[in-house]
Amino acid sequence: MTEKTFKTKFDNFDAKFERSMQAIAKSFADNAEVMALILKEIRDIHEGNKHFRESMSSLYGDVFSHDKRIDNLDVRVEKLESKVK
């Protein structure tokens, strides 16, 4: 193999290698964008779940409070009914 042939083959290999490395770098860049988007979505879901849990906790407290007031009213009505009889 002559020096010119070797240089030509090496240049061809070098060009293909460079294109391959650029494609890999682009792929990593594309994946980084996708991963950032996925991470953002996971954070949004987490925040939504946190808000939901806080809302449910508040509603549960309201229900408990109303149930307690209803029980109190039931006792008061029973006392009034017993006085009327």
N, C-alpha and C. Protein backbone atom coordinates (compact mmCIF):
# COMPACT_ATOMS: atom_id res chain seq x y z
N MET A 1 0.86 -1.16 0.00
CA MET A 1 0.00 0.00 0.00
C MET A 1 0.91 1.23 0.00
N THR A 2 0.57 2.12 -0.85
CA THR A 2 1.39 3.33 -0.96
C THR A 2 0.96 4.33 0.10
N GLU A 3 1.81 5.30 0.29
CA GLU A 3 1.54 6.32 1.30
C GLU A 3 0.31 7.13 0.93
N LYS A 4 0.13 7.40 -0.36
CA LYS A 4 -1.03 8.17 -0.82
C LYS A 4 -2.32 7.38 -0.57
N THR A 5 -2.32 6.08 -0.88
CA THR A 5 -3.50 5.24 -0.67
C THR A 5 -3.82 5.17 0.83
N PHE A 6 -2.80 4.98 1.63
CA PHE A 6 -2.99 4.93 3.07
C PHE A 6 -3.58 6.23 3.58
N LYS A 7 -3.05 7.37 3.12
CA LYS A 7 -3.54 8.68 3.55
C LYS A 7 -5.00 8.86 3.12
N THR A 8 -5.34 8.44 1.92
CA THR A 8 -6.71 8.56 1.43
C THR A 8 -7.65 7.74 2.30
N LYS A 9 -7.27 6.49 2.61
CA LYS A 9 -8.11 5.63 3.44
C LYS A 9 -8.23 6.20 4.86
N PHE A 10 -7.12 6.70 5.36
CA PHE A 10 -7.16 7.29 6.69
C PHE A 10 -8.06 8.52 6.71
N ASP A 11 -7.97 9.36 5.70
CA ASP A 11 -8.81 10.55 5.62
C ASP A 11 -10.29 10.17 5.55
N ASN A 12 -10.59 9.13 4.76
CA ASN A 12 -11.98 8.65 4.68
C ASN A 12 -12.46 8.15 6.04
N PHE A 13 -11.60 7.36 6.70
CA PHE A 13 -11.95 6.85 8.02
C PHE A 13 -12.13 8.00 9.00
N ASP A 14 -11.24 8.96 8.96
CA ASP A 14 -11.29 10.11 9.86
C ASP A 14 -12.58 10.90 9.65
N ALA A 15 -12.99 11.09 8.41
CA ALA A 15 -14.22 11.83 8.11
C ALA A 15 -15.44 11.07 8.63
N LYS A 16 -15.47 9.74 8.40
CA LYS A 16 -16.60 8.93 8.89
C LYS A 16 -16.63 8.94 10.43
N PHE A 17 -15.46 8.83 11.03
CA PHE A 17 -15.38 8.84 12.48
C PHE A 17 -15.90 10.17 13.04
N GLU A 18 -15.50 11.25 12.42
CA GLU A 18 -15.94 12.58 12.87
C GLU A 18 -17.45 12.72 12.74
N ARG A 19 -18.02 12.25 11.62
CA ARG A 19 -19.49 12.31 11.45
C ARG A 19 -20.18 11.46 12.51
N SER A 20 -19.62 10.30 12.80
CA SER A 20 -20.21 9.43 13.82
C SER A 20 -20.18 10.09 15.19
N MET A 21 -19.07 10.71 15.52
CA MET A 21 -18.95 11.38 16.82
C MET A 21 -19.92 12.56 16.91
N GLN A 22 -20.11 13.28 15.81
CA GLN A 22 -21.07 14.39 15.81
C GLN A 22 -22.49 13.86 16.00
N ALA A 23 -22.80 12.73 15.36
CA ALA A 23 -24.13 12.13 15.52
C ALA A 23 -24.36 11.69 16.97
N ILE A 24 -23.33 11.11 17.57
CA ILE A 24 -23.44 10.67 18.97
C ILE A 24 -23.63 11.89 19.88
N ALA A 25 -22.85 12.93 19.65
CA ALA A 25 -22.97 14.15 20.46
C ALA A 25 -24.36 14.75 20.32
N LYS A 26 -24.90 14.76 19.11
CA LYS A 26 -26.25 15.29 18.88
C LYS A 26 -27.27 14.43 19.61
N SER A 27 -27.07 13.11 19.56
CA SER A 27 -27.98 12.20 20.25
C SER A 27 -27.98 12.47 21.75
N PHE A 28 -26.79 12.67 22.33
CA PHE A 28 -26.73 12.99 23.75
C PHE A 28 -27.42 14.32 24.04
N ALA A 29 -27.24 15.29 23.20
CA ALA A 29 -27.88 16.59 23.39
C ALA A 29 -29.40 16.45 23.32
N ASP A 30 -29.89 15.67 22.33
CA ASP A 30 -31.33 15.44 22.21
C ASP A 30 -31.86 14.72 23.45
N ASN A 31 -31.12 13.73 23.93
CA ASN A 31 -31.55 12.99 25.11
C ASN A 31 -31.55 13.87 26.35
N ALA A 32 -30.63 14.79 26.43
CA ALA A 32 -30.60 15.70 27.58
C ALA A 32 -31.85 16.56 27.60
N GLU A 33 -32.30 17.02 26.45
CA GLU A 33 -33.53 17.81 26.38
C GLU A 33 -34.73 16.98 26.79
N VAL A 34 -34.77 15.73 26.32
CA VAL A 34 -35.87 14.83 26.67
C VAL A 34 -35.86 14.55 28.17
N MET A 35 -34.68 14.28 28.72
CA MET A 35 -34.57 14.00 30.14
C MET A 35 -35.00 15.22 30.97
N ALA A 36 -34.62 16.41 30.53
CA ALA A 36 -35.03 17.62 31.24
C ALA A 36 -36.55 17.78 31.20
N LEU A 37 -37.16 17.47 30.07
CA LEU A 37 -38.62 17.54 29.95
C LEU A 37 -39.29 16.52 30.87
N ILE A 38 -38.77 15.30 30.89
CA ILE A 38 -39.32 14.26 31.77
C ILE A 38 -39.20 14.68 33.23
N LEU A 39 -38.04 15.22 33.60
CA LEU A 39 -37.84 15.67 34.97
C LEU A 39 -38.82 16.78 35.33
N LYS A 40 -39.06 17.70 34.41
CA LYS A 40 -40.03 18.78 34.65
C LYS A 40 -41.43 18.20 34.86
N GLU A 41 -41.81 17.23 34.03
CA GLU A 41 -43.13 16.62 34.17
C GLU A 41 -43.26 15.89 35.50
N ILE A 42 -42.20 15.20 35.92
CA ILE A 42 -42.24 14.49 37.21
C ILE A 42 -42.40 15.49 38.35
N ARG A 43 -41.68 16.61 38.27
CA ARG A 43 -41.81 17.64 39.31
C ARG A 43 -43.22 18.22 39.32
N ASP A 44 -43.80 18.45 38.14
CA ASP A 44 -45.16 18.98 38.07
C ASP A 44 -46.16 18.00 38.68
N ILE A 45 -45.99 16.72 38.38
CA ILE A 45 -46.89 15.69 38.94
C ILE A 45 -46.74 15.66 40.45
N HIS A 46 -45.51 15.73 40.93
CA HIS A 46 -45.27 15.72 42.38
C HIS A 46 -45.95 16.90 43.05
N GLU A 47 -45.82 18.07 42.46
CA GLU A 47 -46.46 19.26 43.02
C GLU A 47 -47.98 19.13 43.00
N GLY A 48 -48.51 18.56 41.91
CA GLY A 48 -49.96 18.34 41.82
C GLY A 48 -50.44 17.39 42.89
N ASN A 49 -49.69 16.31 43.12
CA ASN A 49 -50.05 15.35 44.16
C ASN A 49 -49.99 15.98 45.54
N LYS A 50 -48.98 16.81 45.76
CA LYS A 50 -48.83 17.50 47.04
C LYS A 50 -50.04 18.40 47.28
N HIS A 51 -50.42 19.16 46.25
CA HIS A 51 -51.59 20.04 46.37
C HIS A 51 -52.85 19.22 46.64
N PHE A 52 -53.00 18.09 45.95
CA PHE A 52 -54.17 17.22 46.14
C PHE A 52 -54.22 16.71 47.57
N ARG A 53 -53.07 16.24 48.09
CA ARG A 53 -53.04 15.73 49.46
C ARG A 53 -53.40 16.82 50.46
N GLU A 54 -52.87 18.03 50.23
CA GLU A 54 -53.19 19.14 51.13
C GLU A 54 -54.68 19.47 51.07
N SER A 55 -55.24 19.46 49.87
CA SER A 55 -56.67 19.76 49.72
C SER A 55 -57.52 18.69 50.40
N MET A 56 -57.14 17.43 50.21
CA MET A 56 -57.90 16.34 50.82
C MET A 56 -57.81 16.41 52.34
N SER A 57 -56.64 16.75 52.84
CA SER A 57 -56.46 16.87 54.29
C SER A 57 -57.38 17.96 54.84
N SER A 58 -57.44 19.07 54.14
CA SER A 58 -58.30 20.17 54.55
C SER A 58 -59.77 19.75 54.51
N LEU A 59 -60.16 19.07 53.44
CA LEU A 59 -61.55 18.61 53.33
C LEU A 59 -61.90 17.60 54.41
N TYR A 60 -60.95 16.70 54.70
CA TYR A 60 -61.19 15.71 55.74
C TYR A 60 -61.40 16.41 57.08
N GLY A 61 -60.60 17.44 57.34
CA GLY A 61 -60.77 18.21 58.58
C GLY A 61 -62.13 18.87 58.62
N ASP A 62 -62.58 19.41 57.50
CA ASP A 62 -63.91 20.03 57.43
C ASP A 62 -65.00 19.01 57.69
N VAL A 63 -64.89 17.85 57.09
CA VAL A 63 -65.89 16.79 57.28
C VAL A 63 -65.92 16.36 58.74
N PHE A 64 -64.75 16.19 59.33
CA PHE A 64 -64.67 15.79 60.73
C PHE A 64 -65.34 16.83 61.61
N SER A 65 -65.06 18.11 61.32
CA SER A 65 -65.66 19.20 62.08
C SER A 65 -67.18 19.20 61.94
N HIS A 66 -67.67 19.01 60.73
CA HIS A 66 -69.12 18.99 60.51
C HIS A 66 -69.76 17.79 61.18
N ASP A 67 -69.10 16.64 61.10
CA ASP A 67 -69.64 15.45 61.78
C ASP A 67 -69.74 15.68 63.28
N LYS A 68 -68.75 16.33 63.85
CA LYS A 68 -68.75 16.62 65.28
C LYS A 68 -69.91 17.55 65.64
N ARG A 69 -70.11 18.58 64.80
CA ARG A 69 -71.21 19.52 65.05
C ARG A 69 -72.57 18.82 64.92
N ILE A 70 -72.69 17.93 63.93
CA ILE A 70 -73.95 17.19 63.75
C ILE A 70 -74.22 16.30 64.96
N ASP A 71 -73.15 15.61 65.43
CA ASP A 71 -73.32 14.77 66.62
C ASP A 71 -73.77 15.61 67.81
N ASN A 72 -73.19 16.81 67.96
CA ASN A 72 -73.56 17.72 69.04
C ASN A 72 -75.03 18.13 68.90
N LEU A 73 -75.44 18.44 67.68
CA LEU A 73 -76.85 18.81 67.45
C LEU A 73 -77.78 17.64 67.73
N ASP A 74 -77.36 16.42 67.36
CA ASP A 74 -78.18 15.23 67.65
C ASP A 74 -78.41 15.10 69.16
N VAL A 75 -77.34 15.29 69.93
CA VAL A 75 -77.46 15.20 71.39
C VAL A 75 -78.41 16.27 71.91
N ARG A 76 -78.26 17.47 71.39
CA ARG A 76 -79.13 18.57 71.84
C ARG A 76 -80.60 18.30 71.49
N VAL A 77 -80.84 17.77 70.29
CA VAL A 77 -82.22 17.45 69.88
C VAL A 77 -82.79 16.35 70.77
N GLU A 78 -81.98 15.34 71.08
CA GLU A 78 -82.45 14.27 71.96
C GLU A 78 -82.82 14.82 73.34
N LYS A 79 -82.02 15.74 73.85
CA LYS A 79 -82.32 16.35 75.16
C LYS A 79 -83.62 17.14 75.09
N LEU A 80 -83.80 17.90 74.00
CA LEU A 80 -85.04 18.66 73.85
C LEU A 80 -86.25 17.74 73.71
N GLU A 81 -86.10 16.65 72.97
CA GLU A 81 -87.20 15.71 72.80
C GLU A 81 -87.56 15.05 74.14
N SER A 82 -86.55 14.75 74.92
CA SER A 82 -86.83 14.11 76.23
C SER A 82 -87.54 15.09 77.16
N LYS A 83 -87.26 16.39 77.06
CA LYS A 83 -87.92 17.39 77.90
C LYS A 83 -89.38 17.56 77.48
N VAL A 84 -89.62 17.44 76.14
CA VAL A 84 -90.97 17.65 75.63
C VAL A 84 -91.89 16.49 76.07
N LYS A 85 -91.38 15.30 76.17
CA LYS A 85 -92.22 14.13 76.51
C LYS A 85 -92.65 14.13 77.90
